[in-house]
């Protein structure tokens, strides 16, 4: 593939021209894993950073926990918790590199089927149901506020206030 064609193909990923590089993220991370109670904003940031540091030649990422913490402006304990969550959610596999005695991070394919995800992580299903109920209540409240406003507005137009 020519360099020009590769650049054009890559540009289809982002909605704007960006020459400084980018990191792709599986949609399931946003659409499914975000509902897991342990999947926090810090967990997402660490996952994204590890993806950013993934080396295709070696097949893994190998930043130190201190490098991750410094790059993301978070504490090392936040990084440790996020990595533990990513392991628990079966998104990464962490091994010790015997040559350099450091952790390396292998990526595992995220679950992309909601039913399979809910079956494996029932806590996420419970959180999603709670969220959906909350959103329905919010929609109902907005509808009621709109009706009350329209009633007052009609009365004002009729000079009844």
N, C-alpha and C. Protein backbone atom coordinates (compact mmCIF):
# COMPACT_ATOMS: atom_id res chain seq x y z
N UNK A 1 0.86 -1.17 0.00
CA UNK A 1 0.00 0.00 0.00
C UNK A 1 0.90 1.24 0.00
N UNK A 2 0.61 2.18 -0.84
CA UNK A 2 1.43 3.38 -0.88
C UNK A 2 1.20 4.22 0.36
N UNK A 3 2.20 5.05 0.66
CA UNK A 3 2.09 5.91 1.85
C UNK A 3 0.91 6.86 1.72
N UNK A 4 0.68 7.40 0.51
CA UNK A 4 -0.44 8.32 0.32
C UNK A 4 -1.77 7.61 0.54
N UNK A 5 -1.95 6.42 -0.02
CA UNK A 5 -3.21 5.69 0.16
C UNK A 5 -3.41 5.32 1.62
N UNK A 6 -2.33 4.90 2.31
CA UNK A 6 -2.45 4.55 3.73
C UNK A 6 -2.91 5.76 4.53
N UNK A 7 -2.38 6.93 4.26
CA UNK A 7 -2.77 8.14 4.96
C UNK A 7 -4.24 8.44 4.71
N UNK A 8 -4.70 8.30 3.48
CA UNK A 8 -6.11 8.54 3.15
C UNK A 8 -7.00 7.55 3.90
N UNK A 9 -6.61 6.26 3.93
CA UNK A 9 -7.40 5.25 4.65
C UNK A 9 -7.45 5.56 6.14
N UNK A 10 -6.32 5.95 6.70
CA UNK A 10 -6.28 6.26 8.13
C UNK A 10 -7.15 7.46 8.46
N UNK A 11 -7.22 8.42 7.56
CA UNK A 11 -8.00 9.62 7.81
C UNK A 11 -9.49 9.32 7.92
N UNK A 12 -9.95 8.20 7.42
CA UNK A 12 -11.37 7.85 7.52
C UNK A 12 -11.76 7.53 8.96
N UNK A 13 -10.79 7.26 9.81
CA UNK A 13 -11.07 6.90 11.19
C UNK A 13 -11.48 8.12 12.01
N UNK A 14 -10.87 9.24 11.78
CA UNK A 14 -11.16 10.46 12.53
C UNK A 14 -11.99 11.42 11.70
N UNK A 15 -12.83 12.22 12.35
CA UNK A 15 -13.68 13.17 11.60
C UNK A 15 -12.95 14.45 11.21
N UNK A 16 -11.66 14.49 11.41
CA UNK A 16 -10.88 15.67 11.07
C UNK A 16 -9.47 15.24 10.71
N UNK A 17 -8.75 16.09 10.01
CA UNK A 17 -7.38 15.78 9.64
C UNK A 17 -6.50 15.96 10.87
N UNK A 18 -5.72 14.92 11.16
CA UNK A 18 -4.87 14.96 12.33
C UNK A 18 -3.60 14.20 12.03
N UNK A 19 -2.49 14.90 11.95
CA UNK A 19 -1.23 14.28 11.55
C UNK A 19 -0.37 13.79 12.71
N UNK A 20 -0.79 14.02 13.95
CA UNK A 20 0.04 13.69 15.09
C UNK A 20 -0.19 12.28 15.64
N UNK A 21 -0.99 11.50 14.96
CA UNK A 21 -1.25 10.13 15.40
C UNK A 21 -2.57 10.04 16.16
N UNK A 22 -3.05 8.82 16.33
CA UNK A 22 -4.31 8.58 17.03
C UNK A 22 -4.29 7.15 17.54
N UNK A 23 -5.21 6.85 18.43
CA UNK A 23 -5.32 5.52 19.01
C UNK A 23 -6.74 5.02 18.81
N UNK A 24 -6.90 3.88 18.20
CA UNK A 24 -8.22 3.30 17.98
C UNK A 24 -8.70 2.57 19.24
N UNK A 25 -10.00 2.63 19.46
CA UNK A 25 -10.59 1.99 20.63
C UNK A 25 -11.79 1.16 20.19
N UNK A 26 -11.89 -0.09 20.62
CA UNK A 26 -13.07 -0.89 20.28
C UNK A 26 -14.34 -0.23 20.86
N UNK A 27 -15.39 -0.17 20.09
CA UNK A 27 -16.64 0.45 20.54
C UNK A 27 -17.19 -0.21 21.79
N UNK A 28 -16.95 -1.50 21.97
CA UNK A 28 -17.47 -2.21 23.14
C UNK A 28 -16.97 -1.60 24.44
N UNK A 29 -15.81 -0.98 24.41
CA UNK A 29 -15.28 -0.35 25.63
C UNK A 29 -16.24 0.74 26.09
N UNK A 30 -16.75 1.54 25.16
CA UNK A 30 -17.67 2.61 25.52
C UNK A 30 -19.09 2.09 25.72
N UNK A 31 -19.50 1.16 24.90
CA UNK A 31 -20.90 0.73 24.88
C UNK A 31 -21.24 -0.34 25.91
N UNK A 32 -20.27 -1.12 26.34
CA UNK A 32 -20.53 -2.21 27.29
C UNK A 32 -19.73 -2.05 28.58
N UNK A 33 -18.43 -1.97 28.45
CA UNK A 33 -17.56 -1.98 29.62
C UNK A 33 -17.77 -0.75 30.51
N UNK A 34 -18.18 0.35 29.96
CA UNK A 34 -18.42 1.56 30.76
C UNK A 34 -19.51 1.35 31.80
N UNK A 35 -20.35 0.34 31.62
CA UNK A 35 -21.41 0.07 32.58
C UNK A 35 -20.93 -0.77 33.77
N UNK A 36 -19.74 -1.31 33.69
CA UNK A 36 -19.25 -2.10 34.82
C UNK A 36 -18.92 -1.15 35.97
N UNK A 37 -19.38 -1.45 37.19
CA UNK A 37 -19.17 -0.55 38.33
C UNK A 37 -17.70 -0.21 38.61
N UNK A 38 -16.80 -1.12 38.28
CA UNK A 38 -15.38 -0.86 38.54
C UNK A 38 -14.69 -0.13 37.39
N UNK A 39 -15.37 0.00 36.26
CA UNK A 39 -14.76 0.65 35.10
C UNK A 39 -14.94 2.16 35.23
N UNK A 40 -13.93 2.81 35.77
CA UNK A 40 -13.99 4.25 36.03
C UNK A 40 -13.33 5.03 34.90
N UNK A 41 -13.38 6.33 35.02
CA UNK A 41 -12.68 7.18 34.05
C UNK A 41 -11.19 6.90 34.05
N UNK A 42 -10.63 6.66 35.23
CA UNK A 42 -9.20 6.34 35.32
C UNK A 42 -8.90 5.01 34.63
N UNK A 43 -9.80 4.05 34.76
CA UNK A 43 -9.61 2.76 34.10
C UNK A 43 -9.57 2.95 32.59
N UNK A 44 -10.51 3.75 32.10
CA UNK A 44 -10.54 4.04 30.66
C UNK A 44 -9.25 4.72 30.21
N UNK A 45 -8.79 5.69 30.97
CA UNK A 45 -7.57 6.42 30.59
C UNK A 45 -6.36 5.49 30.56
N UNK A 46 -6.24 4.61 31.54
CA UNK A 46 -5.12 3.67 31.56
C UNK A 46 -5.22 2.72 30.38
N UNK A 47 -6.41 2.23 30.09
CA UNK A 47 -6.60 1.34 28.93
C UNK A 47 -6.18 2.06 27.65
N UNK A 48 -6.63 3.30 27.49
CA UNK A 48 -6.28 4.06 26.29
C UNK A 48 -4.77 4.28 26.20
N UNK A 49 -4.15 4.57 27.32
CA UNK A 49 -2.70 4.78 27.32
C UNK A 49 -1.96 3.50 26.94
N UNK A 50 -2.41 2.38 27.49
CA UNK A 50 -1.77 1.12 27.12
C UNK A 50 -1.94 0.83 25.63
N UNK A 51 -3.14 1.11 25.11
CA UNK A 51 -3.35 0.95 23.66
C UNK A 51 -2.40 1.86 22.88
N UNK A 52 -2.26 3.07 23.36
CA UNK A 52 -1.37 4.05 22.72
C UNK A 52 0.07 3.54 22.70
N UNK A 53 0.48 2.86 23.74
CA UNK A 53 1.86 2.39 23.86
C UNK A 53 2.07 0.97 23.32
N UNK A 54 1.02 0.37 22.75
CA UNK A 54 1.12 -0.97 22.19
C UNK A 54 2.14 -1.00 21.07
N UNK A 55 3.03 -2.00 21.09
CA UNK A 55 4.05 -2.17 20.07
C UNK A 55 3.68 -3.38 19.22
N UNK A 56 3.35 -3.13 17.96
CA UNK A 56 2.91 -4.22 17.08
C UNK A 56 4.02 -5.25 16.83
N UNK A 57 5.26 -4.80 16.81
CA UNK A 57 6.37 -5.72 16.57
C UNK A 57 6.51 -6.72 17.72
N UNK A 58 6.43 -6.23 18.94
CA UNK A 58 6.58 -7.09 20.11
C UNK A 58 5.27 -7.79 20.50
N UNK A 59 4.13 -7.17 20.18
CA UNK A 59 2.84 -7.76 20.51
C UNK A 59 2.32 -7.38 21.88
N UNK A 60 2.92 -6.38 22.48
CA UNK A 60 2.47 -5.95 23.80
C UNK A 60 2.92 -4.51 24.06
N UNK A 61 2.40 -3.96 25.15
CA UNK A 61 2.83 -2.64 25.63
C UNK A 61 3.66 -2.86 26.89
N UNK A 62 4.62 -1.97 27.17
CA UNK A 62 5.43 -2.18 28.35
C UNK A 62 5.78 -0.91 29.14
N UNK A 63 4.90 0.05 29.21
CA UNK A 63 5.23 1.20 30.06
C UNK A 63 5.21 0.80 31.54
N UNK A 64 6.04 1.44 32.32
CA UNK A 64 6.02 1.16 33.75
C UNK A 64 4.81 1.85 34.38
N UNK A 65 4.45 1.42 35.57
CA UNK A 65 3.34 2.06 36.26
C UNK A 65 3.65 3.53 36.54
N UNK A 66 4.89 3.83 36.82
CA UNK A 66 5.28 5.24 37.03
C UNK A 66 5.13 6.04 35.75
N UNK A 67 5.52 5.46 34.62
CA UNK A 67 5.36 6.17 33.34
C UNK A 67 3.89 6.43 33.05
N UNK A 68 3.04 5.46 33.32
CA UNK A 68 1.60 5.63 33.10
C UNK A 68 1.07 6.74 34.00
N UNK A 69 1.43 6.68 35.28
CA UNK A 69 0.97 7.69 36.24
C UNK A 69 1.41 9.09 35.82
N UNK A 70 2.67 9.23 35.42
CA UNK A 70 3.18 10.55 35.02
C UNK A 70 2.50 11.04 33.75
N UNK A 71 2.30 10.16 32.78
CA UNK A 71 1.68 10.56 31.51
C UNK A 71 0.23 10.99 31.69
N UNK A 72 -0.48 10.35 32.63
CA UNK A 72 -1.90 10.62 32.83
C UNK A 72 -2.18 11.57 33.99
N UNK A 73 -1.13 11.96 34.70
CA UNK A 73 -1.27 12.87 35.84
C UNK A 73 -2.20 12.27 36.90
N UNK A 74 -1.94 11.02 37.23
CA UNK A 74 -2.68 10.33 38.29
C UNK A 74 -1.67 9.68 39.22
N UNK A 75 -2.13 9.20 40.36
CA UNK A 75 -1.24 8.54 41.30
C UNK A 75 -0.92 7.12 40.83
N UNK A 76 0.17 6.60 41.35
CA UNK A 76 0.55 5.23 41.01
C UNK A 76 -0.51 4.25 41.52
N UNK A 77 -1.12 4.54 42.67
CA UNK A 77 -2.15 3.64 43.20
C UNK A 77 -3.38 3.62 42.29
N UNK A 78 -3.68 4.76 41.65
CA UNK A 78 -4.78 4.80 40.68
C UNK A 78 -4.46 3.89 39.49
N UNK A 79 -3.21 3.92 39.05
CA UNK A 79 -2.79 3.06 37.94
C UNK A 79 -2.89 1.59 38.34
N UNK A 80 -2.44 1.26 39.55
CA UNK A 80 -2.50 -0.13 40.03
C UNK A 80 -3.95 -0.62 40.06
N UNK A 81 -4.85 0.22 40.58
CA UNK A 81 -6.27 -0.14 40.64
C UNK A 81 -6.84 -0.33 39.24
N UNK A 82 -6.52 0.58 38.33
CA UNK A 82 -7.03 0.48 36.95
C UNK A 82 -6.53 -0.78 36.27
N UNK A 83 -5.27 -1.10 36.44
CA UNK A 83 -4.71 -2.31 35.83
C UNK A 83 -5.38 -3.55 36.42
N UNK A 84 -5.61 -3.54 37.71
CA UNK A 84 -6.31 -4.66 38.35
C UNK A 84 -7.72 -4.82 37.77
N UNK A 85 -8.41 -3.71 37.56
CA UNK A 85 -9.75 -3.76 36.97
C UNK A 85 -9.70 -4.27 35.54
N UNK A 86 -8.74 -3.81 34.76
CA UNK A 86 -8.61 -4.26 33.37
C UNK A 86 -8.35 -5.77 33.31
N UNK A 87 -7.56 -6.27 34.26
CA UNK A 87 -7.33 -7.72 34.33
C UNK A 87 -8.61 -8.44 34.72
N UNK A 88 -9.32 -7.91 35.71
CA UNK A 88 -10.56 -8.54 36.17
C UNK A 88 -11.61 -8.58 35.06
N UNK A 89 -11.63 -7.54 34.23
CA UNK A 89 -12.58 -7.48 33.12
C UNK A 89 -12.08 -8.25 31.90
N UNK A 90 -10.94 -8.90 32.04
CA UNK A 90 -10.37 -9.75 30.99
C UNK A 90 -10.04 -8.96 29.72
N UNK A 91 -9.62 -7.71 29.91
CA UNK A 91 -9.23 -6.87 28.78
C UNK A 91 -7.73 -6.92 28.52
N UNK A 92 -6.96 -7.20 29.57
CA UNK A 92 -5.51 -7.32 29.41
C UNK A 92 -5.01 -8.52 30.18
N UNK A 93 -3.84 -8.97 29.77
CA UNK A 93 -3.10 -10.01 30.46
C UNK A 93 -1.76 -9.38 30.83
N UNK A 94 -1.39 -9.45 32.08
CA UNK A 94 -0.14 -8.85 32.54
C UNK A 94 0.84 -9.97 32.85
N UNK A 95 2.01 -9.88 32.24
CA UNK A 95 3.08 -10.85 32.48
C UNK A 95 4.35 -10.09 32.83
N UNK A 96 5.24 -10.78 33.48
CA UNK A 96 6.55 -10.22 33.81
C UNK A 96 7.51 -10.60 32.70
N UNK A 97 8.20 -9.63 32.14
CA UNK A 97 9.21 -9.89 31.11
C UNK A 97 10.47 -10.38 31.82
N UNK A 98 10.85 -11.64 31.59
CA UNK A 98 12.01 -12.19 32.31
C UNK A 98 13.34 -11.53 31.93
N UNK A 99 13.40 -10.97 30.73
CA UNK A 99 14.64 -10.35 30.28
C UNK A 99 14.89 -9.02 30.99
N UNK A 100 13.84 -8.20 31.10
CA UNK A 100 14.01 -6.86 31.65
C UNK A 100 13.35 -6.69 33.03
N UNK A 101 12.68 -7.74 33.52
CA UNK A 101 12.03 -7.72 34.84
C UNK A 101 11.04 -6.57 34.99
N UNK A 102 10.22 -6.40 33.96
CA UNK A 102 9.16 -5.38 34.02
C UNK A 102 7.86 -6.00 33.55
N UNK A 103 6.75 -5.35 33.91
CA UNK A 103 5.44 -5.83 33.46
C UNK A 103 5.23 -5.48 32.00
N UNK A 104 4.61 -6.42 31.28
CA UNK A 104 4.19 -6.16 29.91
C UNK A 104 2.70 -6.47 29.82
N UNK A 105 2.02 -5.77 28.92
CA UNK A 105 0.57 -5.83 28.85
C UNK A 105 0.13 -6.34 27.48
N UNK A 106 -0.50 -7.52 27.49
CA UNK A 106 -1.06 -8.09 26.29
C UNK A 106 -2.55 -7.76 26.26
N UNK A 107 -3.06 -7.41 25.12
CA UNK A 107 -4.48 -7.07 24.99
C UNK A 107 -5.30 -8.29 24.62
N UNK A 108 -6.47 -8.38 25.23
CA UNK A 108 -7.42 -9.44 24.92
C UNK A 108 -8.62 -8.79 24.22
N UNK A 109 -9.23 -9.53 23.34
CA UNK A 109 -10.37 -9.01 22.60
C UNK A 109 -11.54 -8.76 23.55
N UNK A 110 -12.10 -7.53 23.53
CA UNK A 110 -13.26 -7.26 24.39
C UNK A 110 -14.48 -8.04 23.93
N UNK A 111 -15.36 -8.32 24.86
CA UNK A 111 -16.64 -8.92 24.52
C UNK A 111 -17.45 -7.85 23.80
N UNK A 112 -18.01 -8.18 22.65
CA UNK A 112 -18.77 -7.18 21.91
C UNK A 112 -20.27 -7.49 21.87
N UNK A 113 -20.66 -8.61 22.41
CA UNK A 113 -22.07 -9.00 22.45
C UNK A 113 -22.64 -8.66 23.83
N UNK A 114 -23.68 -7.83 23.86
CA UNK A 114 -24.24 -7.38 25.13
C UNK A 114 -24.73 -8.53 26.00
N UNK A 115 -25.40 -9.51 25.41
CA UNK A 115 -25.90 -10.65 26.18
C UNK A 115 -24.76 -11.41 26.83
N UNK A 116 -23.70 -11.67 26.08
CA UNK A 116 -22.54 -12.37 26.63
C UNK A 116 -21.87 -11.54 27.71
N UNK A 117 -21.79 -10.23 27.49
CA UNK A 117 -21.18 -9.34 28.47
C UNK A 117 -22.00 -9.35 29.77
N UNK A 118 -23.32 -9.19 29.64
CA UNK A 118 -24.20 -9.19 30.82
C UNK A 118 -24.12 -10.51 31.58
N UNK A 119 -23.99 -11.61 30.85
CA UNK A 119 -23.89 -12.92 31.48
C UNK A 119 -22.58 -13.03 32.28
N UNK A 120 -21.51 -12.54 31.71
CA UNK A 120 -20.20 -12.64 32.37
C UNK A 120 -20.07 -11.64 33.51
N UNK A 121 -20.70 -10.45 33.36
CA UNK A 121 -20.58 -9.39 34.35
C UNK A 121 -21.97 -8.92 34.80
N UNK A 122 -22.63 -9.69 35.67
CA UNK A 122 -23.98 -9.31 36.10
C UNK A 122 -24.04 -7.96 36.82
N UNK A 123 -22.94 -7.55 37.46
CA UNK A 123 -22.91 -6.23 38.11
C UNK A 123 -23.10 -5.11 37.09
N UNK A 124 -22.57 -5.31 35.89
CA UNK A 124 -22.72 -4.31 34.84
C UNK A 124 -24.17 -4.25 34.37
N UNK A 125 -24.82 -5.40 34.28
CA UNK A 125 -26.24 -5.43 33.90
C UNK A 125 -27.07 -4.67 34.93
N UNK A 126 -26.81 -4.90 36.20
CA UNK A 126 -27.56 -4.20 37.26
C UNK A 126 -27.34 -2.69 37.17
N UNK A 127 -26.10 -2.29 36.90
CA UNK A 127 -25.80 -0.85 36.79
C UNK A 127 -26.51 -0.25 35.57
N UNK A 128 -26.51 -0.99 34.45
CA UNK A 128 -27.17 -0.48 33.25
C UNK A 128 -28.68 -0.34 33.47
N UNK A 129 -29.31 -1.32 34.12
CA UNK A 129 -30.75 -1.25 34.39
C UNK A 129 -31.05 -0.05 35.29
N UNK A 130 -30.24 0.15 36.31
CA UNK A 130 -30.42 1.31 37.20
C UNK A 130 -30.27 2.61 36.42
N UNK A 131 -29.28 2.66 35.54
CA UNK A 131 -29.07 3.85 34.72
C UNK A 131 -30.27 4.11 33.80
N UNK A 132 -30.76 3.06 33.15
CA UNK A 132 -31.90 3.21 32.25
C UNK A 132 -33.14 3.70 32.99
N UNK A 133 -33.37 3.19 34.19
CA UNK A 133 -34.51 3.66 35.00
C UNK A 133 -34.35 5.13 35.36
N UNK A 134 -33.15 5.51 35.72
CA UNK A 134 -32.87 6.90 36.07
C UNK A 134 -33.10 7.82 34.86
N UNK A 135 -32.66 7.37 33.69
CA UNK A 135 -32.86 8.16 32.46
C UNK A 135 -34.33 8.30 32.14
N UNK A 136 -35.11 7.23 32.32
CA UNK A 136 -36.55 7.30 32.06
C UNK A 136 -37.22 8.29 33.01
N UNK A 137 -36.81 8.28 34.27
CA UNK A 137 -37.36 9.24 35.25
C UNK A 137 -36.99 10.66 34.85
N UNK A 138 -35.78 10.85 34.39
CA UNK A 138 -35.33 12.18 33.95
C UNK A 138 -36.15 12.66 32.75
N UNK A 139 -36.39 11.78 31.81
CA UNK A 139 -37.19 12.13 30.63
C UNK A 139 -38.60 12.52 31.05
N UNK A 140 -39.18 11.76 31.97
CA UNK A 140 -40.52 12.06 32.47
C UNK A 140 -40.55 13.42 33.17
N UNK A 141 -39.55 13.71 33.98
CA UNK A 141 -39.49 15.00 34.68
C UNK A 141 -39.35 16.16 33.69
N UNK A 142 -38.53 15.98 32.67
CA UNK A 142 -38.39 17.04 31.66
C UNK A 142 -39.72 17.26 30.93
N UNK A 143 -40.42 16.18 30.63
CA UNK A 143 -41.72 16.29 29.97
C UNK A 143 -42.71 17.06 30.85
N UNK A 144 -42.73 16.73 32.14
CA UNK A 144 -43.63 17.41 33.07
C UNK A 144 -43.28 18.90 33.20
N UNK A 145 -41.99 19.22 33.24
CA UNK A 145 -41.57 20.64 33.31
C UNK A 145 -41.99 21.39 32.05
N UNK A 146 -41.88 20.73 30.90
CA UNK A 146 -42.27 21.37 29.64
C UNK A 146 -43.78 21.63 29.63
N UNK A 147 -44.55 20.66 30.09
CA UNK A 147 -46.01 20.86 30.13
C UNK A 147 -46.38 22.00 31.08
N UNK A 148 -45.73 22.06 32.24
CA UNK A 148 -46.01 23.14 33.19
C UNK A 148 -45.64 24.50 32.59
N UNK A 149 -44.51 24.55 31.90
CA UNK A 149 -44.09 25.80 31.26
C UNK A 149 -45.10 26.23 30.20
N UNK A 150 -45.52 25.27 29.37
CA UNK A 150 -46.47 25.61 28.31
C UNK A 150 -47.81 26.08 28.89
N UNK A 151 -48.21 25.53 30.02
CA UNK A 151 -49.45 25.95 30.69
C UNK A 151 -49.32 27.39 31.17
N UNK A 152 -48.19 27.71 31.79
CA UNK A 152 -47.96 29.09 32.26
C UNK A 152 -47.86 30.03 31.07
N UNK A 153 -47.17 29.59 30.03
CA UNK A 153 -47.01 30.43 28.84
C UNK A 153 -48.37 30.73 28.22
N UNK A 154 -49.25 29.74 28.13
CA UNK A 154 -50.59 29.95 27.56
C UNK A 154 -51.39 30.91 28.42
N UNK A 155 -51.28 30.73 29.75
CA UNK A 155 -52.01 31.64 30.66
C UNK A 155 -51.50 33.07 30.51
N UNK A 156 -50.20 33.21 30.34
CA UNK A 156 -49.62 34.55 30.18
C UNK A 156 -50.10 35.19 28.90
N UNK A 157 -50.17 34.41 27.82
CA UNK A 157 -50.64 34.95 26.55
C UNK A 157 -52.10 35.37 26.63
N UNK A 158 -52.88 34.66 27.46
CA UNK A 158 -54.31 34.97 27.61
C UNK A 158 -54.54 36.05 28.68
N UNK A 159 -53.46 36.56 29.29
CA UNK A 159 -53.58 37.58 30.33
C UNK A 159 -54.17 37.05 31.62
N UNK A 160 -53.97 35.77 31.91
CA UNK A 160 -54.56 35.16 33.11
C UNK A 160 -53.58 35.01 34.26
N UNK A 161 -52.42 35.58 34.16
CA UNK A 161 -51.46 35.46 35.28
C UNK A 161 -51.61 36.58 36.26
